[in-house]
N, C-alpha and C. Protein backbone atom coordinates (compact mmCIF):
# COMPACT_ATOMS: atom_id res chain seq x y z
N MET A 1 41.12 72.67 -26.14
CA MET A 1 40.97 71.23 -26.21
C MET A 1 42.20 70.53 -25.64
N SER A 2 41.95 69.44 -24.95
CA SER A 2 43.05 68.65 -24.42
C SER A 2 43.81 68.00 -25.57
N ASP A 3 45.14 67.91 -25.40
CA ASP A 3 45.97 67.27 -26.40
C ASP A 3 45.99 65.77 -26.16
N LEU A 4 44.82 65.17 -26.08
CA LEU A 4 44.69 63.75 -25.83
C LEU A 4 45.04 63.00 -27.10
N SER A 5 45.96 62.05 -27.02
CA SER A 5 46.37 61.34 -28.22
C SER A 5 45.23 60.46 -28.73
N GLN A 6 45.30 60.16 -30.01
CA GLN A 6 44.30 59.29 -30.62
C GLN A 6 44.32 57.91 -29.98
N THR A 7 45.52 57.46 -29.63
CA THR A 7 45.66 56.15 -28.98
C THR A 7 44.92 56.12 -27.65
N THR A 8 45.09 57.17 -26.85
CA THR A 8 44.41 57.24 -25.55
C THR A 8 42.91 57.33 -25.73
N SER A 9 42.47 58.19 -26.66
CA SER A 9 41.04 58.33 -26.93
C SER A 9 40.42 57.01 -27.38
N ASP A 10 41.11 56.32 -28.28
CA ASP A 10 40.60 55.03 -28.78
C ASP A 10 40.49 54.02 -27.64
N TRP A 11 41.50 54.00 -26.75
CA TRP A 11 41.48 53.04 -25.65
C TRP A 11 40.32 53.32 -24.70
N LEU A 12 40.08 54.58 -24.40
CA LEU A 12 38.99 54.95 -23.50
C LEU A 12 37.64 54.59 -24.11
N HIS A 13 37.48 54.83 -25.41
CA HIS A 13 36.22 54.47 -26.06
C HIS A 13 36.04 52.95 -26.10
N ARG A 14 37.10 52.24 -26.37
CA ARG A 14 37.01 50.79 -26.51
C ARG A 14 36.73 50.11 -25.17
N THR A 15 37.19 50.70 -24.09
CA THR A 15 37.01 50.06 -22.77
C THR A 15 35.88 50.72 -21.98
N ALA A 16 36.20 51.81 -21.31
CA ALA A 16 35.24 52.41 -20.37
C ALA A 16 33.97 52.91 -21.05
N LEU A 17 34.10 53.75 -22.07
CA LEU A 17 32.91 54.37 -22.66
C LEU A 17 32.00 53.35 -23.34
N ASN A 18 32.58 52.38 -24.03
CA ASN A 18 31.75 51.34 -24.66
C ASN A 18 31.03 50.51 -23.60
N THR A 19 31.72 50.24 -22.50
CA THR A 19 31.10 49.46 -21.42
C THR A 19 29.94 50.23 -20.79
N ILE A 20 30.16 51.51 -20.54
CA ILE A 20 29.10 52.33 -19.96
C ILE A 20 27.90 52.42 -20.89
N ARG A 21 28.17 52.66 -22.19
CA ARG A 21 27.08 52.74 -23.17
C ARG A 21 26.31 51.42 -23.23
N TYR A 22 27.03 50.30 -23.17
CA TYR A 22 26.38 49.00 -23.19
C TYR A 22 25.45 48.85 -22.00
N LEU A 23 25.94 49.18 -20.81
CA LEU A 23 25.13 49.03 -19.61
C LEU A 23 23.91 49.95 -19.61
N LEU A 24 24.05 51.14 -20.16
CA LEU A 24 22.95 52.10 -20.15
C LEU A 24 21.90 51.81 -21.21
N THR A 25 22.22 50.94 -22.17
CA THR A 25 21.27 50.69 -23.26
C THR A 25 20.76 49.25 -23.31
N THR A 26 21.41 48.33 -22.60
CA THR A 26 20.98 46.94 -22.69
C THR A 26 19.83 46.64 -21.73
N SER A 27 19.03 45.68 -22.08
CA SER A 27 17.94 45.23 -21.20
C SER A 27 18.32 43.95 -20.47
N HIS A 28 19.43 43.34 -20.89
CA HIS A 28 19.90 42.11 -20.25
C HIS A 28 21.42 42.16 -20.15
N ILE A 29 21.93 42.06 -18.96
CA ILE A 29 23.37 42.18 -18.74
C ILE A 29 24.07 40.85 -18.96
N ASP A 30 25.00 40.85 -19.89
CA ASP A 30 25.85 39.70 -20.18
C ASP A 30 27.20 39.93 -19.51
N ARG A 31 27.50 39.14 -18.50
CA ARG A 31 28.75 39.36 -17.77
C ARG A 31 29.97 39.30 -18.68
N GLY A 32 29.90 38.47 -19.72
CA GLY A 32 31.02 38.35 -20.65
C GLY A 32 31.28 39.63 -21.40
N ALA A 33 30.24 40.43 -21.59
CA ALA A 33 30.39 41.69 -22.32
C ALA A 33 31.15 42.73 -21.52
N LEU A 34 31.33 42.48 -20.22
CA LEU A 34 32.05 43.42 -19.36
C LEU A 34 33.53 43.08 -19.24
N ALA A 35 33.94 42.04 -19.92
CA ALA A 35 35.31 41.55 -19.76
C ALA A 35 36.36 42.52 -20.28
N ASP A 36 36.00 43.34 -21.26
CA ASP A 36 37.00 44.25 -21.85
C ASP A 36 37.24 45.49 -21.02
N PHE A 37 36.43 45.68 -19.99
CA PHE A 37 36.61 46.90 -19.19
C PHE A 37 37.92 46.84 -18.43
N SER A 38 38.67 47.93 -18.47
CA SER A 38 39.97 47.96 -17.80
C SER A 38 40.24 49.36 -17.26
N VAL A 39 40.89 49.41 -16.11
CA VAL A 39 41.31 50.70 -15.55
C VAL A 39 42.83 50.80 -15.54
N THR A 40 43.48 49.84 -16.15
CA THR A 40 44.94 49.85 -16.23
C THR A 40 45.34 50.12 -17.66
N PRO A 41 45.64 51.38 -17.96
CA PRO A 41 45.98 51.72 -19.35
C PRO A 41 47.32 51.13 -19.76
N PRO A 42 47.46 50.75 -21.03
CA PRO A 42 48.76 50.27 -21.52
C PRO A 42 49.79 51.40 -21.49
N GLU A 43 51.05 51.06 -21.76
CA GLU A 43 52.15 52.02 -21.63
C GLU A 43 51.99 53.21 -22.57
N ASN A 44 51.35 53.01 -23.72
CA ASN A 44 51.24 54.11 -24.69
C ASN A 44 50.02 54.99 -24.45
N VAL A 45 49.35 54.80 -23.31
CA VAL A 45 48.18 55.60 -22.96
C VAL A 45 48.50 56.43 -21.73
N GLU A 46 48.32 57.75 -21.83
CA GLU A 46 48.59 58.64 -20.71
C GLU A 46 47.30 59.33 -20.27
N LEU A 47 47.00 59.23 -18.99
CA LEU A 47 45.78 59.83 -18.45
C LEU A 47 46.10 60.66 -17.21
N GLY A 48 45.37 61.75 -17.04
CA GLY A 48 45.54 62.58 -15.87
C GLY A 48 44.90 61.96 -14.65
N GLU A 49 45.16 62.56 -13.49
CA GLU A 49 44.64 62.02 -12.23
C GLU A 49 43.11 62.03 -12.22
N GLY A 50 42.50 63.07 -12.80
CA GLY A 50 41.05 63.14 -12.81
C GLY A 50 40.42 61.98 -13.56
N ALA A 51 40.93 61.70 -14.75
CA ALA A 51 40.40 60.60 -15.56
C ALA A 51 40.63 59.26 -14.87
N LEU A 52 41.80 59.09 -14.25
CA LEU A 52 42.10 57.84 -13.56
C LEU A 52 41.17 57.62 -12.37
N ALA A 53 40.83 58.70 -11.67
CA ALA A 53 39.92 58.59 -10.53
C ALA A 53 38.53 58.17 -11.00
N VAL A 54 38.08 58.74 -12.12
CA VAL A 54 36.78 58.37 -12.67
C VAL A 54 36.78 56.91 -13.11
N LEU A 55 37.86 56.49 -13.77
CA LEU A 55 37.97 55.09 -14.20
C LEU A 55 37.94 54.15 -13.00
N GLY A 56 38.59 54.54 -11.92
CA GLY A 56 38.60 53.71 -10.73
C GLY A 56 37.20 53.51 -10.17
N GLU A 57 36.41 54.58 -10.12
CA GLU A 57 35.04 54.44 -9.64
C GLU A 57 34.20 53.62 -10.61
N CYS A 58 34.46 53.80 -11.90
CA CYS A 58 33.75 53.00 -12.90
C CYS A 58 34.00 51.51 -12.68
N ALA A 59 35.26 51.16 -12.42
CA ALA A 59 35.62 49.76 -12.24
C ALA A 59 34.85 49.14 -11.08
N VAL A 60 34.78 49.87 -9.97
CA VAL A 60 34.06 49.36 -8.80
C VAL A 60 32.58 49.17 -9.12
N LEU A 61 32.00 50.14 -9.80
CA LEU A 61 30.57 50.08 -10.10
C LEU A 61 30.28 48.97 -11.10
N VAL A 62 31.11 48.82 -12.12
CA VAL A 62 30.91 47.76 -13.11
C VAL A 62 31.01 46.39 -12.45
N GLU A 63 31.95 46.23 -11.54
CA GLU A 63 32.10 44.97 -10.82
C GLU A 63 30.85 44.66 -9.99
N GLN A 64 30.29 45.68 -9.35
CA GLN A 64 29.08 45.48 -8.55
C GLN A 64 27.90 45.10 -9.45
N ILE A 65 27.79 45.76 -10.60
CA ILE A 65 26.70 45.46 -11.53
C ILE A 65 26.82 44.04 -12.07
N ALA A 66 28.04 43.66 -12.42
CA ALA A 66 28.27 42.31 -12.94
C ALA A 66 27.92 41.25 -11.90
N ALA A 67 28.27 41.52 -10.65
CA ALA A 67 27.98 40.56 -9.58
C ALA A 67 26.48 40.44 -9.34
N ALA A 68 25.77 41.57 -9.44
CA ALA A 68 24.33 41.55 -9.21
C ALA A 68 23.56 41.04 -10.43
N GLY A 69 24.15 41.20 -11.60
CA GLY A 69 23.48 40.75 -12.81
C GLY A 69 22.34 41.65 -13.23
N GLU A 70 22.27 42.84 -12.64
CA GLU A 70 21.23 43.78 -13.00
C GLU A 70 21.70 45.21 -12.73
N LEU A 71 20.98 46.15 -13.35
CA LEU A 71 21.32 47.56 -13.21
C LEU A 71 20.15 48.29 -12.57
N ASN A 72 20.32 48.70 -11.32
CA ASN A 72 19.23 49.43 -10.66
C ASN A 72 19.29 50.92 -11.02
N ASP A 73 18.29 51.66 -10.61
CA ASP A 73 18.18 53.07 -10.99
C ASP A 73 19.35 53.89 -10.46
N GLN A 74 19.79 53.57 -9.24
CA GLN A 74 20.89 54.32 -8.65
C GLN A 74 22.18 54.11 -9.44
N ALA A 75 22.45 52.86 -9.81
CA ALA A 75 23.66 52.57 -10.58
C ALA A 75 23.57 53.18 -11.98
N ARG A 76 22.39 53.15 -12.57
CA ARG A 76 22.21 53.74 -13.90
C ARG A 76 22.50 55.24 -13.87
N SER A 77 21.98 55.92 -12.85
CA SER A 77 22.22 57.35 -12.72
C SER A 77 23.70 57.65 -12.53
N ARG A 78 24.36 56.85 -11.70
CA ARG A 78 25.78 57.10 -11.44
C ARG A 78 26.62 56.84 -12.68
N LEU A 79 26.26 55.83 -13.46
CA LEU A 79 26.99 55.55 -14.70
C LEU A 79 26.90 56.74 -15.66
N GLY A 80 25.72 57.34 -15.74
CA GLY A 80 25.56 58.51 -16.60
C GLY A 80 26.44 59.66 -16.16
N ILE A 81 26.56 59.83 -14.84
CA ILE A 81 27.40 60.89 -14.29
C ILE A 81 28.88 60.60 -14.57
N LEU A 82 29.29 59.35 -14.39
CA LEU A 82 30.68 58.99 -14.64
C LEU A 82 31.03 59.13 -16.12
N GLU A 83 30.09 58.83 -16.98
CA GLU A 83 30.32 59.00 -18.41
C GLU A 83 30.58 60.47 -18.74
N SER A 84 29.77 61.36 -18.18
CA SER A 84 29.95 62.80 -18.45
C SER A 84 31.28 63.29 -17.89
N LEU A 85 31.67 62.79 -16.72
CA LEU A 85 32.96 63.18 -16.14
C LEU A 85 34.13 62.70 -16.99
N LEU A 86 34.02 61.47 -17.47
CA LEU A 86 35.10 60.92 -18.28
C LEU A 86 35.22 61.67 -19.60
N ARG A 87 34.10 62.00 -20.21
CA ARG A 87 34.13 62.71 -21.49
C ARG A 87 34.73 64.11 -21.32
N VAL A 88 34.41 64.78 -20.23
CA VAL A 88 34.95 66.13 -20.05
C VAL A 88 36.45 66.08 -19.74
N HIS A 89 36.89 65.06 -19.00
CA HIS A 89 38.32 64.93 -18.72
C HIS A 89 39.10 64.55 -19.98
N MET A 90 38.44 63.89 -20.91
CA MET A 90 39.08 63.56 -22.18
C MET A 90 39.29 64.81 -23.04
N GLN A 91 38.45 65.82 -22.84
CA GLN A 91 38.46 66.98 -23.72
C GLN A 91 39.19 68.20 -23.14
N VAL A 92 39.46 68.18 -21.85
CA VAL A 92 40.00 69.38 -21.21
C VAL A 92 41.31 69.08 -20.49
N ASP A 93 42.28 69.95 -20.71
CA ASP A 93 43.54 69.92 -19.98
C ASP A 93 43.60 71.20 -19.14
N GLN A 94 43.52 71.06 -17.82
CA GLN A 94 43.47 72.21 -16.94
C GLN A 94 44.70 73.11 -17.05
N LYS A 95 45.83 72.54 -17.41
CA LYS A 95 47.08 73.31 -17.44
C LYS A 95 47.22 74.15 -18.70
N SER A 96 46.70 73.67 -19.82
CA SER A 96 46.98 74.35 -21.09
C SER A 96 45.75 74.92 -21.78
N ASP A 97 44.56 74.46 -21.45
CA ASP A 97 43.37 74.92 -22.15
C ASP A 97 42.90 76.29 -21.65
N GLY A 98 42.05 76.93 -22.45
CA GLY A 98 41.53 78.24 -22.11
C GLY A 98 40.53 78.19 -20.96
N ALA A 99 40.21 79.37 -20.45
CA ALA A 99 39.36 79.47 -19.26
C ALA A 99 37.97 78.90 -19.49
N PHE A 100 37.39 79.07 -20.68
CA PHE A 100 36.04 78.58 -20.92
C PHE A 100 35.99 77.05 -20.90
N ALA A 101 37.03 76.41 -21.42
CA ALA A 101 37.08 74.95 -21.40
C ALA A 101 37.21 74.43 -19.97
N VAL A 102 38.12 75.04 -19.21
CA VAL A 102 38.32 74.63 -17.81
C VAL A 102 37.06 74.90 -17.00
N TRP A 103 36.40 76.01 -17.27
CA TRP A 103 35.15 76.35 -16.58
C TRP A 103 34.09 75.29 -16.85
N ALA A 104 34.00 74.83 -18.09
CA ALA A 104 33.03 73.79 -18.43
C ALA A 104 33.29 72.52 -17.62
N MET A 105 34.56 72.16 -17.46
CA MET A 105 34.89 70.98 -16.67
C MET A 105 34.46 71.18 -15.21
N GLU A 106 34.69 72.36 -14.68
CA GLU A 106 34.30 72.64 -13.29
C GLU A 106 32.78 72.56 -13.14
N ILE A 107 32.05 73.03 -14.15
CA ILE A 107 30.59 72.97 -14.11
C ILE A 107 30.12 71.52 -14.09
N VAL A 108 30.72 70.70 -14.94
CA VAL A 108 30.36 69.28 -15.00
C VAL A 108 30.64 68.61 -13.66
N GLU A 109 31.79 68.93 -13.06
CA GLU A 109 32.15 68.34 -11.77
C GLU A 109 31.20 68.80 -10.67
N ASN A 110 30.79 70.07 -10.72
CA ASN A 110 29.85 70.57 -9.71
C ASN A 110 28.48 69.91 -9.86
N LEU A 111 28.05 69.72 -11.09
CA LEU A 111 26.77 69.03 -11.33
C LEU A 111 26.86 67.59 -10.83
N ALA A 112 27.98 66.93 -11.11
CA ALA A 112 28.16 65.55 -10.67
C ALA A 112 28.11 65.43 -9.16
N ALA A 113 28.66 66.42 -8.46
CA ALA A 113 28.66 66.41 -7.00
C ALA A 113 27.24 66.50 -6.46
N ARG A 114 26.32 67.01 -7.29
CA ARG A 114 24.91 67.11 -6.91
C ARG A 114 24.08 65.99 -7.53
N ASP A 115 24.77 64.95 -8.04
CA ASP A 115 24.11 63.81 -8.67
C ASP A 115 23.30 64.20 -9.90
N CYS A 116 23.80 65.19 -10.64
CA CYS A 116 23.18 65.61 -11.90
C CYS A 116 24.05 65.18 -13.07
N VAL A 117 23.43 64.66 -14.10
CA VAL A 117 24.15 64.25 -15.31
C VAL A 117 24.36 65.47 -16.20
N ALA A 118 25.58 65.69 -16.64
CA ALA A 118 25.88 66.77 -17.58
C ALA A 118 26.08 66.16 -18.96
N GLN A 119 25.22 66.50 -19.88
CA GLN A 119 25.36 66.03 -21.25
C GLN A 119 26.33 66.96 -21.96
N VAL A 120 27.57 66.52 -22.10
CA VAL A 120 28.63 67.34 -22.68
C VAL A 120 28.62 67.14 -24.19
N THR A 121 28.06 68.09 -24.92
CA THR A 121 27.94 67.93 -26.37
C THR A 121 29.25 68.23 -27.08
N SER A 122 29.97 69.26 -26.65
CA SER A 122 31.29 69.55 -27.23
C SER A 122 31.99 70.59 -26.37
N ILE A 123 33.32 70.53 -26.37
CA ILE A 123 34.13 71.54 -25.69
C ILE A 123 35.25 71.93 -26.64
N ASN A 124 35.14 73.11 -27.22
CA ASN A 124 36.14 73.59 -28.16
C ASN A 124 36.30 75.09 -27.95
N ALA A 125 37.25 75.45 -27.08
CA ALA A 125 37.43 76.85 -26.71
C ALA A 125 38.77 77.37 -27.20
N SER A 126 38.93 78.69 -27.15
CA SER A 126 40.22 79.30 -27.47
C SER A 126 41.18 79.04 -26.32
N THR A 127 42.42 79.48 -26.50
CA THR A 127 43.43 79.30 -25.45
C THR A 127 43.47 80.47 -24.47
N ASP A 128 42.52 81.37 -24.56
CA ASP A 128 42.45 82.53 -23.67
C ASP A 128 42.25 82.07 -22.23
N GLN A 129 43.24 82.32 -21.38
CA GLN A 129 43.20 81.81 -20.01
C GLN A 129 42.85 82.88 -18.98
N ARG A 130 42.32 84.02 -19.43
CA ARG A 130 41.87 85.02 -18.46
C ARG A 130 40.76 84.44 -17.58
N ALA A 131 40.81 84.76 -16.32
CA ALA A 131 39.83 84.22 -15.37
C ALA A 131 38.41 84.66 -15.74
N ILE A 132 37.45 83.76 -15.49
CA ILE A 132 36.04 84.11 -15.65
C ILE A 132 35.66 85.00 -14.48
N PRO A 133 35.05 86.17 -14.72
CA PRO A 133 34.70 87.08 -13.62
C PRO A 133 33.82 86.41 -12.56
N GLY A 134 34.11 86.73 -11.31
CA GLY A 134 33.35 86.14 -10.21
C GLY A 134 31.85 86.31 -10.31
N PRO A 135 31.34 87.52 -10.64
CA PRO A 135 29.88 87.70 -10.74
C PRO A 135 29.24 86.81 -11.81
N VAL A 136 29.97 86.56 -12.90
CA VAL A 136 29.45 85.68 -13.96
C VAL A 136 29.38 84.25 -13.44
N ARG A 137 30.44 83.81 -12.80
CA ARG A 137 30.45 82.47 -12.22
C ARG A 137 29.30 82.31 -11.22
N LEU A 138 29.08 83.33 -10.42
CA LEU A 138 28.06 83.25 -9.38
C LEU A 138 26.67 83.06 -9.99
N VAL A 139 26.36 83.85 -11.02
CA VAL A 139 25.05 83.73 -11.66
C VAL A 139 24.87 82.34 -12.27
N VAL A 140 25.89 81.87 -12.99
CA VAL A 140 25.80 80.55 -13.63
C VAL A 140 25.65 79.45 -12.58
N ASP A 141 26.43 79.54 -11.51
CA ASP A 141 26.32 78.53 -10.44
C ASP A 141 24.93 78.53 -9.81
N ARG A 142 24.39 79.72 -9.58
CA ARG A 142 23.08 79.82 -8.94
C ARG A 142 21.99 79.24 -9.84
N VAL A 143 22.10 79.49 -11.14
CA VAL A 143 21.09 78.97 -12.07
C VAL A 143 21.22 77.45 -12.21
N LEU A 144 22.45 76.96 -12.38
CA LEU A 144 22.65 75.52 -12.55
C LEU A 144 22.29 74.74 -11.29
N ALA A 145 22.32 75.40 -10.15
CA ALA A 145 21.92 74.74 -8.91
C ALA A 145 20.44 74.36 -8.92
N LEU A 146 19.68 74.94 -9.85
CA LEU A 146 18.26 74.63 -9.95
C LEU A 146 18.00 73.35 -10.75
N ALA A 147 19.04 72.84 -11.44
CA ALA A 147 18.88 71.63 -12.24
C ALA A 147 18.42 70.47 -11.36
N VAL A 148 17.46 69.72 -11.85
CA VAL A 148 16.91 68.61 -11.07
C VAL A 148 17.76 67.36 -11.23
N ASP A 149 17.96 66.90 -12.46
CA ASP A 149 18.73 65.67 -12.65
C ASP A 149 19.71 65.72 -13.82
N SER A 150 19.61 66.73 -14.69
CA SER A 150 20.53 66.79 -15.81
C SER A 150 20.60 68.20 -16.39
N ALA A 151 21.65 68.43 -17.16
CA ALA A 151 21.83 69.70 -17.87
C ALA A 151 22.72 69.44 -19.07
N SER A 152 22.53 70.22 -20.11
CA SER A 152 23.37 70.12 -21.31
C SER A 152 24.37 71.26 -21.30
N VAL A 153 25.65 70.93 -21.51
CA VAL A 153 26.72 71.92 -21.45
C VAL A 153 27.52 71.86 -22.76
N ARG A 154 27.81 73.05 -23.30
CA ARG A 154 28.57 73.12 -24.55
C ARG A 154 29.47 74.35 -24.54
N VAL A 155 30.67 74.20 -25.07
CA VAL A 155 31.60 75.32 -25.23
C VAL A 155 32.12 75.31 -26.66
N LEU A 156 32.14 76.48 -27.27
CA LEU A 156 32.69 76.58 -28.62
C LEU A 156 33.32 77.95 -28.82
N THR A 157 34.12 78.06 -29.86
CA THR A 157 34.73 79.33 -30.24
C THR A 157 34.60 79.50 -31.74
N ASP A 158 34.41 80.75 -32.15
CA ASP A 158 34.36 81.05 -33.59
C ASP A 158 35.63 81.74 -34.05
N GLY A 159 36.64 81.73 -33.17
CA GLY A 159 37.89 82.39 -33.48
C GLY A 159 37.94 83.83 -33.01
N VAL A 160 36.80 84.37 -32.67
CA VAL A 160 36.71 85.75 -32.19
C VAL A 160 36.22 85.77 -30.74
N GLU A 161 35.21 84.95 -30.46
CA GLU A 161 34.62 84.89 -29.13
C GLU A 161 34.54 83.45 -28.65
N ASP A 162 34.56 83.29 -27.33
CA ASP A 162 34.27 82.01 -26.69
C ASP A 162 32.82 82.04 -26.22
N TYR A 163 32.16 80.88 -26.31
CA TYR A 163 30.78 80.77 -25.88
C TYR A 163 30.61 79.55 -24.97
N LEU A 164 29.91 79.74 -23.89
CA LEU A 164 29.48 78.62 -23.05
C LEU A 164 27.97 78.66 -22.96
N SER A 165 27.34 77.55 -23.28
CA SER A 165 25.88 77.48 -23.19
C SER A 165 25.47 76.31 -22.31
N ALA A 166 24.41 76.50 -21.57
CA ALA A 166 23.86 75.45 -20.72
C ALA A 166 22.34 75.48 -20.83
N THR A 167 21.76 74.31 -20.97
CA THR A 167 20.31 74.19 -21.05
C THR A 167 19.85 73.20 -19.99
N LEU A 168 18.84 73.57 -19.24
CA LEU A 168 18.35 72.69 -18.19
C LEU A 168 16.85 72.86 -17.99
N GLN A 169 16.21 71.75 -17.71
CA GLN A 169 14.80 71.76 -17.35
C GLN A 169 14.70 71.85 -15.83
N VAL A 170 13.94 72.82 -15.36
CA VAL A 170 13.80 72.98 -13.91
C VAL A 170 12.33 72.94 -13.53
N THR A 171 12.07 72.49 -12.33
CA THR A 171 10.71 72.51 -11.82
C THR A 171 10.46 73.78 -11.02
N SER A 172 11.52 74.58 -10.88
CA SER A 172 11.43 75.82 -10.11
C SER A 172 10.52 76.83 -10.81
N SER A 173 9.93 77.66 -10.01
CA SER A 173 9.09 78.73 -10.56
C SER A 173 9.96 79.83 -11.15
N ARG A 174 9.34 80.69 -11.94
CA ARG A 174 10.06 81.83 -12.49
C ARG A 174 10.62 82.70 -11.38
N GLN A 175 9.89 82.81 -10.29
CA GLN A 175 10.37 83.62 -9.17
C GLN A 175 11.66 83.05 -8.60
N SER A 176 11.75 81.72 -8.53
CA SER A 176 12.96 81.09 -8.02
C SER A 176 14.15 81.39 -8.91
N ILE A 177 13.89 81.41 -10.22
CA ILE A 177 14.96 81.72 -11.17
C ILE A 177 15.38 83.17 -11.02
N GLU A 178 14.40 84.05 -10.84
CA GLU A 178 14.72 85.46 -10.61
C GLU A 178 15.54 85.62 -9.34
N ASP A 179 15.18 84.88 -8.31
CA ASP A 179 15.93 84.95 -7.05
C ASP A 179 17.37 84.48 -7.25
N ALA A 180 17.57 83.52 -8.16
CA ALA A 180 18.90 82.97 -8.39
C ALA A 180 19.83 83.99 -9.04
N VAL A 181 19.27 84.90 -9.85
CA VAL A 181 20.11 85.86 -10.55
C VAL A 181 20.13 87.24 -9.89
N CYS A 182 19.20 87.48 -9.00
CA CYS A 182 19.12 88.82 -8.41
C CYS A 182 20.29 89.09 -7.48
N VAL A 183 21.03 88.03 -7.10
CA VAL A 183 22.18 88.22 -6.25
C VAL A 183 23.21 89.14 -6.91
N ALA A 184 23.19 89.18 -8.25
CA ALA A 184 24.09 90.08 -8.97
C ALA A 184 23.36 91.31 -9.49
N GLY A 185 22.11 91.48 -9.07
CA GLY A 185 21.33 92.62 -9.48
C GLY A 185 20.97 92.63 -10.96
N LEU A 186 20.74 91.43 -11.53
CA LEU A 186 20.49 91.33 -12.96
C LEU A 186 19.00 91.12 -13.25
N PRO A 187 18.46 91.78 -14.27
CA PRO A 187 17.08 91.56 -14.66
C PRO A 187 16.96 90.26 -15.45
N LEU A 188 15.89 89.54 -15.26
CA LEU A 188 15.70 88.25 -15.93
C LEU A 188 15.25 88.45 -17.37
N GLY A 189 15.75 87.59 -18.27
CA GLY A 189 15.29 87.59 -19.64
C GLY A 189 15.91 88.68 -20.49
N LYS A 190 17.03 89.23 -20.08
CA LYS A 190 17.69 90.28 -20.84
C LYS A 190 19.15 89.89 -21.08
N THR A 191 19.76 90.57 -22.02
CA THR A 191 21.18 90.38 -22.28
C THR A 191 21.94 91.52 -21.62
N TYR A 192 22.96 91.20 -20.86
CA TYR A 192 23.69 92.23 -20.15
C TYR A 192 25.16 91.90 -20.10
N GLU A 193 25.98 92.92 -19.89
CA GLU A 193 27.42 92.76 -19.86
C GLU A 193 27.92 92.81 -18.43
N ILE A 194 28.82 91.89 -18.12
CA ILE A 194 29.42 91.84 -16.79
C ILE A 194 30.92 91.66 -16.95
N GLU A 195 31.66 92.68 -16.67
CA GLU A 195 33.13 92.63 -16.68
C GLU A 195 33.68 91.97 -17.95
N GLY A 196 33.21 92.43 -19.09
CA GLY A 196 33.73 91.95 -20.36
C GLY A 196 33.03 90.72 -20.91
N CYS A 197 32.12 90.14 -20.15
CA CYS A 197 31.34 88.99 -20.62
C CYS A 197 29.92 89.43 -20.95
N VAL A 198 29.33 88.81 -21.94
CA VAL A 198 27.92 89.02 -22.26
C VAL A 198 27.15 87.79 -21.80
N LEU A 199 26.15 88.00 -20.98
CA LEU A 199 25.38 86.90 -20.40
C LEU A 199 23.92 87.04 -20.81
N ASP A 200 23.38 85.98 -21.36
CA ASP A 200 21.98 85.97 -21.78
C ASP A 200 21.27 84.81 -21.11
N LEU A 201 20.15 85.11 -20.48
CA LEU A 201 19.38 84.09 -19.76
C LEU A 201 17.96 84.10 -20.28
N ASP A 202 17.53 82.97 -20.83
CA ASP A 202 16.19 82.87 -21.39
C ASP A 202 15.40 81.80 -20.62
N VAL A 203 14.18 82.14 -20.26
CA VAL A 203 13.32 81.21 -19.52
C VAL A 203 12.05 80.99 -20.32
N GLU A 204 11.82 79.73 -20.69
CA GLU A 204 10.64 79.37 -21.47
C GLU A 204 9.73 78.49 -20.63
N PRO A 205 8.50 78.94 -20.37
CA PRO A 205 7.58 78.12 -19.57
C PRO A 205 7.29 76.78 -20.25
N THR A 206 7.34 75.72 -19.49
CA THR A 206 7.00 74.39 -19.97
C THR A 206 6.09 73.73 -18.95
N SER A 207 5.71 72.52 -19.22
CA SER A 207 4.87 71.79 -18.27
C SER A 207 5.56 70.48 -17.92
N PRO A 208 6.07 70.31 -16.69
CA PRO A 208 6.02 71.32 -15.62
C PRO A 208 7.28 72.17 -15.61
N GLY A 209 7.24 73.26 -14.89
CA GLY A 209 8.43 74.08 -14.66
C GLY A 209 8.80 74.98 -15.80
N ASN A 210 10.10 75.12 -16.02
CA ASN A 210 10.63 76.04 -17.02
C ASN A 210 11.86 75.44 -17.69
N LEU A 211 12.05 75.78 -18.97
CA LEU A 211 13.26 75.43 -19.69
C LEU A 211 14.17 76.64 -19.67
N VAL A 212 15.36 76.49 -19.10
CA VAL A 212 16.29 77.60 -18.94
C VAL A 212 17.47 77.42 -19.89
N THR A 213 17.76 78.46 -20.64
CA THR A 213 18.93 78.47 -21.52
C THR A 213 19.83 79.63 -21.12
N LEU A 214 21.07 79.31 -20.85
CA LEU A 214 22.03 80.30 -20.39
C LEU A 214 23.21 80.31 -21.35
N VAL A 215 23.56 81.51 -21.85
CA VAL A 215 24.70 81.64 -22.77
C VAL A 215 25.62 82.75 -22.26
N VAL A 216 26.90 82.41 -22.15
CA VAL A 216 27.92 83.40 -21.77
C VAL A 216 28.93 83.48 -22.90
N SER A 217 29.25 84.70 -23.32
CA SER A 217 30.24 84.87 -24.38
C SER A 217 31.25 85.94 -23.98
N ARG A 218 32.44 85.86 -24.58
CA ARG A 218 33.50 86.84 -24.31
C ARG A 218 34.46 86.86 -25.48
N HIS A 219 34.89 88.06 -25.87
CA HIS A 219 35.92 88.17 -26.89
C HIS A 219 37.19 87.52 -26.37
N SER A 220 37.79 86.69 -27.20
CA SER A 220 38.98 85.96 -26.76
C SER A 220 40.25 86.71 -27.13
N ASN A 221 41.22 86.63 -26.24
CA ASN A 221 42.53 87.19 -26.51
C ASN A 221 43.37 86.17 -27.26
N PRO A 222 44.16 86.60 -28.23
CA PRO A 222 45.00 85.63 -28.96
C PRO A 222 46.07 85.04 -28.05
């Protein structure tokens, strides 16, 4: 977890996150309600470059929405993406956090680059900074590339193992999902070990498409 101070967290919630939530839930935009939005943190608030970049884009988008007096579908989608990016940057410190936490941030950023919203439910990993094996990353990247518009991402630790889970609704066929994982020679719907990680991929048929749940776990080093 990032060592984000309570002061910084409170400021981000009071300004950017509250503004985004307001815009995503209101049916009528009140320009006065956007007045508290700020991208210039006070002296007692410290933010990394990633969070500042997200805030900068938020400011531009909020200004455009306020000027137009309405929220179109494109702006709504981008706000959801910026919210997920801001939340993950609030929770992860790339320099000090463990590999699973940093990996979750990279996943969120990769989804955002594809205009997919990542619903970040929680990020709480150990401090184990061993690299995630390349074959594991490859399988996860290939599966998440099938996401249409959103995915749920969560990281947790029980003190013994780190877990990363992702859930996504895809319109892809089961064959497409099999093709996504066969690059590593893995059978679909089974639990298997890859270089110290346990990877489980479950595909549940839905209408339309499939619901995919992916879980990666690894024993953490103290």
